[in-house]
């Protein structure tokens, strides 16, 4: 079962709805109508406070998850762009530096697409890809530019290689650091408390109270689903795609028509 996919999302939503109905039934069983009616005003005031606090917390976490996904997309795009720039600008260098840089760029892109991307879905990275990034970063260590064109392009290539390395580190950091367990605990505990308060709120019609509580649980479940779906950008059924690196490989092979045409190119399902 996909941990960060539609199946888990459905379980979160349906589980929350069922739990809400159970909580309402337990509240009605534990407290008589008279007691619930007597505490009606107090329960209502506390529900307003608890609901507001939880809504703010949940909203911030959802926004953070969406921002994390968007940031991961930007990092992948920047890394792939920098790698393509390194390959293309290496044309201005003499041999053997030109071939060394272009071969290292090709090998790194292929390793990222074929081996590292599947590992990232498991929160891991490729040691081989890391070593290839080291090789690329060291490819100009002993090179001294001679001509004016080489002197002009040399610092540009060094800067793009640095961008590749920095973006790679950021990408791996995002891969290995999803939504913290303590954050999930607070979100789930807060949702349970909020739904429980809704169940303790007195209403003459039990069916109406159940319906309203279920709607509350449904809304909470949908937001938790968004956190689960977008809080892990490289795992699940909606992920950041390796398409930018595939475009790099096409460029390296001379297939320039394979450029991405829109933002949707950077997502896979």
C-alpha atoms as a PDB file:
ATOM      1  CA  UNK A   1       0.000   0.000   0.000  1.00  0.00           C
ATOM      2  CA  UNK A   2       1.269   3.438  -0.924  1.00  0.00           C
ATOM      3  CA  UNK A   3       2.049   5.308   2.292  1.00  0.00           C
ATOM      4  CA  UNK A   4       1.597   8.766   0.798  1.00  0.00           C
ATOM      5  CA  UNK A   5      -1.016   8.015  -1.856  1.00  0.00           C
ATOM      6  CA  UNK A   6      -4.732   7.986  -2.513  1.00  0.00           C
ATOM      7  CA  UNK A   7      -5.323   4.790  -0.515  1.00  0.00           C
ATOM      8  CA  UNK A   8      -3.868   6.259   2.650  1.00  0.00           C
ATOM      9  CA  UNK A   9      -5.774   9.498   2.010  1.00  0.00           C
ATOM     10  CA  UNK A  10      -9.037   7.579   1.734  1.00  0.00           C
ATOM     11  CA  UNK A  11      -8.287   5.768   4.991  1.00  0.00           C
ATOM     12  CA  UNK A  12      -7.556   9.089   6.725  1.00  0.00           C
ATOM     13  CA  UNK A  13     -10.834  10.628   5.570  1.00  0.00           C
ATOM     14  CA  UNK A  14     -13.076   7.593   6.110  1.00  0.00           C
ATOM     15  CA  UNK A  15     -11.372   6.788   9.416  1.00  0.00           C
ATOM     16  CA  UNK A  16     -11.997  10.329  10.621  1.00  0.00           C
ATOM     17  CA  UNK A  17     -15.680  10.175   9.664  1.00  0.00           C
ATOM     18  CA  UNK A  18     -16.185   6.825  11.393  1.00  0.00           C
ATOM     19  CA  UNK A  19     -14.300   8.036  14.470  1.00  0.00           C
ATOM     20  CA  UNK A  20     -16.511  11.138  14.603  1.00  0.00           C
ATOM     21  CA  UNK A  21     -19.685   9.042  14.619  1.00  0.00           C
ATOM     22  CA  UNK A  22     -18.247   6.805  17.340  1.00  0.00           C
ATOM     23  CA  UNK A  23     -17.268   9.826  19.470  1.00  0.00           C
ATOM     24  CA  UNK A  24     -20.762  11.296  19.211  1.00  0.00           C
ATOM     25  CA  UNK A  25     -22.266   7.965  20.233  1.00  0.00           C
ATOM     26  CA  UNK A  26     -19.876   7.662  23.191  1.00  0.00           C
ATOM     27  CA  UNK A  27     -20.583  11.220  24.329  1.00  0.00           C
ATOM     28  CA  UNK A  28     -24.319  10.566  24.281  1.00  0.00           C
ATOM     29  CA  UNK A  29     -23.805   7.347  26.182  1.00  0.00           C
ATOM     30  CA  UNK A  30     -21.483   8.800  28.841  1.00  0.00           C
ATOM     31  CA  UNK A  31     -23.475  11.968  29.514  1.00  0.00           C
ATOM     32  CA  UNK A  32     -27.204  12.377  29.827  1.00  0.00           C
ATOM     33  CA  UNK A  33     -29.172  14.963  27.847  1.00  0.00           C
ATOM     34  CA  UNK A  34     -29.571  17.044  31.007  1.00  0.00           C
ATOM     35  CA  UNK A  35     -25.827  17.215  31.661  1.00  0.00           C
ATOM     36  CA  UNK A  36     -25.046  18.071  28.047  1.00  0.00           C
ATOM     37  CA  UNK A  37     -27.698  20.776  28.111  1.00  0.00           C
ATOM     38  CA  UNK A  38     -26.353  22.236  31.361  1.00  0.00           C
ATOM     39  CA  UNK A  39     -22.808  22.420  29.912  1.00  0.00           C
ATOM     40  CA  UNK A  40     -24.049  23.732  26.564  1.00  0.00           C
ATOM     41  CA  UNK A  41     -22.725  27.286  26.974  1.00  0.00           C
ATOM     42  CA  UNK A  42     -19.362  26.188  28.408  1.00  0.00           C
ATOM     43  CA  UNK A  43     -18.906  23.553  25.703  1.00  0.00           C
ATOM     44  CA  UNK A  44     -19.765  26.092  23.015  1.00  0.00           C
ATOM     45  CA  UNK A  45     -17.231  28.622  24.279  1.00  0.00           C
ATOM     46  CA  UNK A  46     -14.477  26.030  24.595  1.00  0.00           C
ATOM     47  CA  UNK A  47     -15.329  24.620  21.163  1.00  0.00           C
ATOM     48  CA  UNK A  48     -14.844  28.082  19.657  1.00  0.00           C
ATOM     49  CA  UNK A  49     -11.426  28.435  21.280  1.00  0.00           C
ATOM     50  CA  UNK A  50     -10.252  24.896  20.488  1.00  0.00           C
ATOM     51  CA  UNK A  51     -11.664  24.995  16.952  1.00  0.00           C
ATOM     52  CA  UNK A  52     -10.007  28.303  16.169  1.00  0.00           C
ATOM     53  CA  UNK A  53      -6.618  27.203  17.509  1.00  0.00           C
ATOM     54  CA  UNK A  54      -6.768  23.930  15.605  1.00  0.00           C
ATOM     55  CA  UNK A  55      -7.924  25.610  12.389  1.00  0.00           C
ATOM     56  CA  UNK A  56      -4.972  28.007  12.508  1.00  0.00           C
ATOM     57  CA  UNK A  57      -2.520  25.175  13.241  1.00  0.00           C
ATOM     58  CA  UNK A  58      -3.911  22.927  10.507  1.00  0.00           C
ATOM     59  CA  UNK A  59      -3.947  25.756   7.980  1.00  0.00           C
ATOM     60  CA  UNK A  60      -0.299  26.601   8.661  1.00  0.00           C
ATOM     61  CA  UNK A  61       0.739  22.965   8.294  1.00  0.00           C
ATOM     62  CA  UNK A  62      -1.160  22.576   5.010  1.00  0.00           C
ATOM     63  CA  UNK A  63       0.446  25.745   3.622  1.00  0.00           C
ATOM     64  CA  UNK A  64       3.860  24.466   4.741  1.00  0.00           C
ATOM     65  CA  UNK A  65       3.280  21.136   2.956  1.00  0.00           C
ATOM     66  CA  UNK A  66       2.242  22.871  -0.269  1.00  0.00           C
ATOM     67  CA  UNK A  67       5.240  25.203  -0.010  1.00  0.00           C
ATOM     68  CA  UNK A  68       7.548  22.230   0.537  1.00  0.00           C
ATOM     69  CA  UNK A  69       6.256  20.602  -2.645  1.00  0.00           C
ATOM     70  CA  UNK A  70       6.627  23.811  -4.644  1.00  0.00           C
ATOM     71  CA  UNK A  71      10.138  24.352  -3.279  1.00  0.00           C
ATOM     72  CA  UNK A  72      11.141  20.798  -4.198  1.00  0.00           C
ATOM     73  CA  UNK A  73       9.928  21.412  -7.758  1.00  0.00           C
ATOM     74  CA  UNK A  74      11.999  24.597  -7.988  1.00  0.00           C
ATOM     75  CA  UNK A  75      15.103  22.868  -6.595  1.00  0.00           C
ATOM     76  CA  UNK A  76      14.888  20.031  -9.128  1.00  0.00           C
ATOM     77  CA  UNK A  77      14.379  22.475 -11.967  1.00  0.00           C
ATOM     78  CA  UNK A  78      17.324  24.630 -10.852  1.00  0.00           C
ATOM     79  CA  UNK A  79      19.623  21.612 -10.468  1.00  0.00           C
ATOM     80  CA  UNK A  80      18.755  20.269 -13.917  1.00  0.00           C
ATOM     81  CA  UNK A  81      19.141  23.705 -15.524  1.00  0.00           C
ATOM     82  CA  UNK A  82      22.562  24.161 -13.936  1.00  0.00           C
ATOM     83  CA  UNK A  83      23.646  20.706 -15.117  1.00  0.00           C
ATOM     84  CA  UNK A  84      22.569  21.484 -18.690  1.00  0.00           C
ATOM     85  CA  UNK A  85      24.459  24.803 -18.545  1.00  0.00           C
ATOM     86  CA  UNK A  86      27.612  23.008 -17.402  1.00  0.00           C
ATOM     87  CA  UNK A  87      27.375  20.583 -20.314  1.00  0.00           C
ATOM     88  CA  UNK A  88      26.734  23.259 -22.934  1.00  0.00           C
ATOM     89  CA  UNK A  89      29.351  25.733 -21.692  1.00  0.00           C
ATOM     90  CA  UNK A  90      31.950  22.956 -21.610  1.00  0.00           C
ATOM     91  CA  UNK A  91      31.988  23.218 -25.420  1.00  0.00           C
ATOM     92  CA  UNK A  92      34.227  26.257 -24.984  1.00  0.00           C
ATOM     93  CA  UNK A  93      36.878  24.253 -23.105  1.00  0.00           C
ATOM     94  CA  UNK A  94      39.762  22.329 -24.654  1.00  0.00           C
ATOM     95  CA  UNK A  95      40.273  18.600 -24.470  1.00  0.00           C
ATOM     96  CA  UNK A  96      40.419  16.591 -22.260  1.00  0.00           C
ATOM     97  CA  UNK A  97      38.437  18.880 -19.920  1.00  0.00           C
ATOM     98  CA  UNK A  98      35.540  19.177 -22.358  1.00  0.00           C
ATOM     99  CA  UNK A  99      35.001  15.434 -22.663  1.00  0.00           C
ATOM    100  CA  UNK A 100      35.513  14.865 -18.944  1.00  0.00           C
ATOM    101  CA  UNK A 101      32.867  17.407 -17.926  1.00  0.00           C
ATOM    102  CA  UNK A 102      30.352  16.296 -20.534  1.00  0.00           C
ATOM    103  CA  UNK A 103      30.828  12.623 -19.695  1.00  0.00           C
ATOM    104  CA  UNK A 104      30.428  13.368 -15.980  1.00  0.00           C
ATOM    105  CA  UNK A 105      27.252  15.378 -16.681  1.00  0.00           C
ATOM    106  CA  UNK A 106      25.756  12.563 -18.756  1.00  0.00           C
ATOM    107  CA  UNK A 107      26.615   9.930 -16.154  1.00  0.00           C
ATOM    108  CA  UNK A 108      25.195  12.016 -13.298  1.00  0.00           C
ATOM    109  CA  UNK A 109      21.880  12.714 -15.073  1.00  0.00           C
ATOM    110  CA  UNK A 110      21.447   9.046 -15.998  1.00  0.00           C
ATOM    111  CA  UNK A 111      22.229   7.912 -12.438  1.00  0.00           C
ATOM    112  CA  UNK A 112      19.752  10.399 -10.941  1.00  0.00           C
ATOM    113  CA  UNK A 113      16.926   9.335 -13.279  1.00  0.00           C
ATOM    114  CA  UNK A 114      17.487   5.579 -13.326  1.00  0.00           C
ATOM    115  CA  UNK A 115      18.692   4.806  -9.804  1.00  0.00           C
ATOM    116  CA  UNK A 116      18.333   7.730  -7.409  1.00  0.00           C
ATOM    117  CA  UNK A 117      14.753   8.762  -8.174  1.00  0.00           C
ATOM    118  CA  UNK A 118      13.254   5.369  -7.160  1.00  0.00           C
ATOM    119  CA  UNK A 119      15.360   5.474  -3.973  1.00  0.00           C
ATOM    120  CA  UNK A 120      14.072   8.949  -3.140  1.00  0.00           C
ATOM    121  CA  UNK A 121      10.525   7.540  -2.943  1.00  0.00           C
ATOM    122  CA  UNK A 122      11.853   5.541   0.034  1.00  0.00           C
ATOM    123  CA  UNK A 123      13.555   8.547   1.635  1.00  0.00           C
ATOM    124  CA  UNK A 124      17.022   7.452   0.463  1.00  0.00           C
ATOM    125  CA  UNK A 125      19.683   8.712  -1.932  1.00  0.00           C
ATOM    126  CA  UNK A 126      22.212   7.141  -4.277  1.00  0.00           C
ATOM    127  CA  UNK A 127      25.821   6.941  -3.149  1.00  0.00           C
ATOM    128  CA  UNK A 128      26.860   6.536  -6.781  1.00  0.00           C
ATOM    129  CA  UNK A 129      25.092   9.755  -7.770  1.00  0.00           C
ATOM    130  CA  UNK A 130      26.803  11.556  -4.911  1.00  0.00           C
ATOM    131  CA  UNK A 131      30.181  10.259  -6.064  1.00  0.00           C
ATOM    132  CA  UNK A 132      29.446  11.378  -9.619  1.00  0.00           C
ATOM    133  CA  UNK A 133      28.596  14.851  -8.342  1.00  0.00           C
ATOM    134  CA  UNK A 134      31.987  14.883  -6.584  1.00  0.00           C
ATOM    135  CA  UNK A 135      33.654  13.830  -9.837  1.00  0.00           C
ATOM    136  CA  UNK A 136      31.942  16.663 -11.698  1.00  0.00           C
ATOM    137  CA  UNK A 137      32.966  19.194  -9.068  1.00  0.00           C
ATOM    138  CA  UNK A 138      36.616  18.104  -9.332  1.00  0.00           C
ATOM    139  CA  UNK A 139      36.737  17.973 -13.132  1.00  0.00           C
ATOM    140  CA  UNK A 140      38.355  21.419 -13.454  1.00  0.00           C
ATOM    141  CA  UNK A 141      40.569  21.234 -10.370  1.00  0.00           C
ATOM    142  CA  UNK A 142      43.860  21.243 -12.320  1.00  0.00           C
ATOM    143  CA  UNK A 143      42.684  23.301 -15.296  1.00  0.00           C
ATOM    144  CA  UNK A 144      44.201  26.717 -16.028  1.00  0.00           C
ATOM    145  CA  UNK A 145      42.367  28.710 -18.729  1.00  0.00           C
ATOM    146  CA  UNK A 146      44.654  29.966 -21.501  1.00  0.00           C
ATOM    147  CA  UNK A 147      42.586  31.869 -24.069  1.00  0.00           C
ATOM    148  CA  UNK A 148      40.272  34.788 -23.382  1.00  0.00           C
ATOM    149  CA  UNK A 149      37.182  32.721 -24.140  1.00  0.00           C
ATOM    150  CA  UNK A 150      38.323  30.066 -21.660  1.00  0.00           C
ATOM    151  CA  UNK A 151      38.947  32.726 -19.025  1.00  0.00           C
ATOM    152  CA  UNK A 152      35.443  34.068 -19.590  1.00  0.00           C
ATOM    153  CA  UNK A 153      33.638  30.730 -19.428  1.00  0.00           C
ATOM    154  CA  UNK A 154      35.706  29.136 -16.636  1.00  0.00           C
ATOM    155  CA  UNK A 155      34.130  31.030 -13.680  1.00  0.00           C
ATOM    156  CA  UNK A 156      30.663  30.527 -15.178  1.00  0.00           C
ATOM    157  CA  UNK A 157      31.121  26.770 -15.311  1.00  0.00           C
ATOM    158  CA  UNK A 158      32.472  26.716 -11.759  1.00  0.00           C
ATOM    159  CA  UNK A 159      29.400  28.651 -10.581  1.00  0.00           C
ATOM    160  CA  UNK A 160      26.990  26.263 -12.322  1.00  0.00           C
ATOM    161  CA  UNK A 161      28.798  23.242 -10.887  1.00  0.00           C
ATOM    162  CA  UNK A 162      28.418  24.813  -7.448  1.00  0.00           C
ATOM    163  CA  UNK A 163      24.691  25.275  -8.118  1.00  0.00           C
ATOM    164  CA  UNK A 164      24.363  21.616  -9.089  1.00  0.00           C
ATOM    165  CA  UNK A 165      26.011  20.549  -5.836  1.00  0.00           C
ATOM    166  CA  UNK A 166      24.013  22.953  -3.653  1.00  0.00           C
ATOM    167  CA  UNK A 167      20.700  22.001  -5.256  1.00  0.00           C
ATOM    168  CA  UNK A 168      21.528  18.331  -4.929  1.00  0.00           C
ATOM    169  CA  UNK A 169      22.135  18.748  -1.195  1.00  0.00           C
ATOM    170  CA  UNK A 170      18.850  20.616  -0.846  1.00  0.00           C
ATOM    171  CA  UNK A 171      16.974  17.950  -2.826  1.00  0.00           C
ATOM    172  CA  UNK A 172      18.333  15.133  -0.689  1.00  0.00           C
ATOM    173  CA  UNK A 173      17.539  17.089   2.476  1.00  0.00           C
ATOM    174  CA  UNK A 174      13.920  17.465   1.356  1.00  0.00           C
ATOM    175  CA  UNK A 175      13.805  13.761   0.506  1.00  0.00           C
ATOM    176  CA  UNK A 176      14.957  12.649   3.941  1.00  0.00           C
ATOM    177  CA  UNK A 177      12.986  15.176   5.992  1.00  0.00           C
ATOM    178  CA  UNK A 178       9.227  14.970   5.555  1.00  0.00           C
ATOM    179  CA  UNK A 179       6.524  15.903   8.050  1.00  0.00           C
ATOM    180  CA  UNK A 180       7.928  15.229  11.571  1.00  0.00           C
ATOM    181  CA  UNK A 181       6.248  12.536  13.672  1.00  0.00           C
ATOM    182  CA  UNK A 182       5.564  15.002  16.483  1.00  0.00           C
ATOM    183  CA  UNK A 183       3.721  17.220  13.994  1.00  0.00           C
ATOM    184  CA  UNK A 184       1.511  14.303  12.969  1.00  0.00           C
ATOM    185  CA  UNK A 185       0.827  13.544  16.645  1.00  0.00           C
ATOM    186  CA  UNK A 186      -0.271  17.125  17.332  1.00  0.00           C
ATOM    187  CA  UNK A 187      -2.457  17.221  14.219  1.00  0.00           C
ATOM    188  CA  UNK A 188      -4.205  13.927  14.992  1.00  0.00           C
ATOM    189  CA  UNK A 189      -4.599  14.668  18.700  1.00  0.00           C
ATOM    190  CA  UNK A 190      -5.939  18.139  17.928  1.00  0.00           C
ATOM    191  CA  UNK A 191      -8.406  16.701  15.432  1.00  0.00           C
ATOM    192  CA  UNK A 192      -9.670  14.154  17.957  1.00  0.00           C
ATOM    193  CA  UNK A 193     -10.138  16.833  20.637  1.00  0.00           C
ATOM    194  CA  UNK A 194     -11.943  19.143  18.202  1.00  0.00           C
ATOM    195  CA  UNK A 195     -14.319  16.405  17.043  1.00  0.00           C
ATOM    196  CA  UNK A 196     -14.880  15.319  20.653  1.00  0.00           C
ATOM    197  CA  UNK A 197     -15.919  18.851  21.619  1.00  0.00           C
ATOM    198  CA  UNK A 198     -18.300  18.868  18.660  1.00  0.00           C
ATOM    199  CA  UNK A 199     -19.753  15.619  19.961  1.00  0.00           C
ATOM    200  CA  UNK A 200     -20.245  17.097  23.440  1.00  0.00           C
ATOM    201  CA  UNK A 201     -22.065  20.111  22.029  1.00  0.00           C
ATOM    202  CA  UNK A 202     -25.760  19.748  22.874  1.00  0.00           C
ATOM    203  CA  UNK A 203     -28.330  19.583  20.106  1.00  0.00           C
ATOM    204  CA  UNK A 204     -31.941  18.464  20.328  1.00  0.00           C
ATOM    205  CA  UNK A 205     -31.580  16.389  17.186  1.00  0.00           C
ATOM    206  CA  UNK A 206     -28.970  13.647  17.536  1.00  0.00           C
ATOM    207  CA  UNK A 207     -28.995  12.972  13.793  1.00  0.00           C
ATOM    208  CA  UNK A 208     -28.279  16.652  13.069  1.00  0.00           C
ATOM    209  CA  UNK A 209     -25.424  16.642  15.575  1.00  0.00           C
ATOM    210  CA  UNK A 210     -23.950  13.537  13.972  1.00  0.00           C
ATOM    211  CA  UNK A 211     -24.235  15.107  10.532  1.00  0.00           C
ATOM    212  CA  UNK A 212     -22.474  18.308  11.601  1.00  0.00           C
ATOM    213  CA  UNK A 213     -19.769  16.387  13.466  1.00  0.00           C
ATOM    214  CA  UNK A 214     -19.173  14.182  10.416  1.00  0.00           C
ATOM    215  CA  UNK A 215     -18.802  17.306   8.241  1.00  0.00           C
ATOM    216  CA  UNK A 216     -16.243  18.664  10.713  1.00  0.00           C
ATOM    217  CA  UNK A 217     -14.318  15.376  10.658  1.00  0.00           C
ATOM    218  CA  UNK A 218     -14.513  15.288   6.848  1.00  0.00           C
ATOM    219  CA  UNK A 219     -13.001  18.760   6.561  1.00  0.00           C
ATOM    220  CA  UNK A 220     -10.221  17.875   9.009  1.00  0.00           C
ATOM    221  CA  UNK A 221      -9.567  14.610   7.150  1.00  0.00           C
ATOM    222  CA  UNK A 222      -9.305  16.371   3.786  1.00  0.00           C
ATOM    223  CA  UNK A 223      -6.709  18.780   5.173  1.00  0.00           C
ATOM    224  CA  UNK A 224      -4.715  15.949   6.762  1.00  0.00           C
ATOM    225  CA  UNK A 225      -4.838  14.219   3.395  1.00  0.00           C
ATOM    226  CA  UNK A 226      -3.281  17.290   1.762  1.00  0.00           C
ATOM    227  CA  UNK A 227      -0.499  17.247   4.361  1.00  0.00           C
ATOM    228  CA  UNK A 228       0.127  13.553   3.670  1.00  0.00           C
ATOM    229  CA  UNK A 229       0.040  14.057  -0.101  1.00  0.00           C
ATOM    230  CA  UNK A 230       2.234  17.149  -0.461  1.00  0.00           C
ATOM    231  CA  UNK A 231       4.397  16.904   2.665  1.00  0.00           C
ATOM    232  CA  UNK A 232       6.545  14.231   0.986  1.00  0.00           C
ATOM    233  CA  UNK A 233       7.416  15.676  -2.466  1.00  0.00           C
ATOM    234  CA  UNK A 234       9.295  12.632  -3.759  1.00  0.00           C
ATOM    235  CA  UNK A 235       7.040   9.863  -2.389  1.00  0.00           C
ATOM    236  CA  UNK A 236       3.456   8.957  -3.150  1.00  0.00           C
ATOM    237  CA  UNK A 237       1.159   9.155  -6.138  1.00  0.00           C
ATOM    238  CA  UNK A 238       1.683  12.876  -6.765  1.00  0.00           C
ATOM    239  CA  UNK A 239       5.398  13.580  -6.754  1.00  0.00           C
ATOM    240  CA  UNK A 240       8.020  15.870  -8.212  1.00  0.00           C
ATOM    241  CA  UNK A 241       9.045  14.221 -11.468  1.00  0.00           C
ATOM    242  CA  UNK A 242      12.486  13.435 -12.817  1.00  0.00           C
ATOM    243  CA  UNK A 243      11.364  14.948 -16.130  1.00  0.00           C
ATOM    244  CA  UNK A 244      13.820  17.892 -15.959  1.00  0.00           C
ATOM    245  CA  UNK A 245      16.759  15.463 -15.809  1.00  0.00           C
ATOM    246  CA  UNK A 246      15.246  13.427 -18.643  1.00  0.00           C
ATOM    247  CA  UNK A 247      15.189  16.644 -20.682  1.00  0.00           C
ATOM    248  CA  UNK A 248      18.873  17.133 -19.779  1.00  0.00           C
ATOM    249  CA  UNK A 249      19.667  13.671 -21.123  1.00  0.00           C
ATOM    250  CA  UNK A 250      17.815  14.512 -24.332  1.00  0.00           C
ATOM    251  CA  UNK A 251      19.843  17.725 -24.670  1.00  0.00           C
ATOM    252  CA  UNK A 252      23.090  15.827 -24.079  1.00  0.00           C
ATOM    253  CA  UNK A 253      22.077  13.444 -26.879  1.00  0.00           C
ATOM    254  CA  UNK A 254      21.136  16.271 -29.234  1.00  0.00           C
ATOM    255  CA  UNK A 255      17.352  15.818 -28.974  1.00  0.00           C
ATOM    256  CA  UNK A 256      16.488  19.464 -28.287  1.00  0.00           C
ATOM    257  CA  UNK A 257      12.791  19.036 -29.116  1.00  0.00           C
ATOM    258  CA  UNK A 258      12.190  17.230 -25.800  1.00  0.00           C
ATOM    259  CA  UNK A 259      12.022  20.411 -23.707  1.00  0.00           C
ATOM    260  CA  UNK A 260       9.203  20.642 -21.131  1.00  0.00           C
ATOM    261  CA  UNK A 261       6.270  22.778 -22.256  1.00  0.00           C
ATOM    262  CA  UNK A 262       4.719  23.721 -18.919  1.00  0.00           C
ATOM    263  CA  UNK A 263       4.753  23.437 -15.155  1.00  0.00           C
ATOM    264  CA  UNK A 264       2.748  20.202 -15.323  1.00  0.00           C
ATOM    265  CA  UNK A 265       5.833  18.502 -16.759  1.00  0.00           C
ATOM    266  CA  UNK A 266       7.324  18.546 -13.292  1.00  0.00           C
ATOM    267  CA  UNK A 267       4.675  16.321 -11.691  1.00  0.00           C
ATOM    268  CA  UNK A 268       4.103  12.608 -11.999  1.00  0.00           C
ATOM    269  CA  UNK A 269       1.221  10.408 -10.960  1.00  0.00           C
END
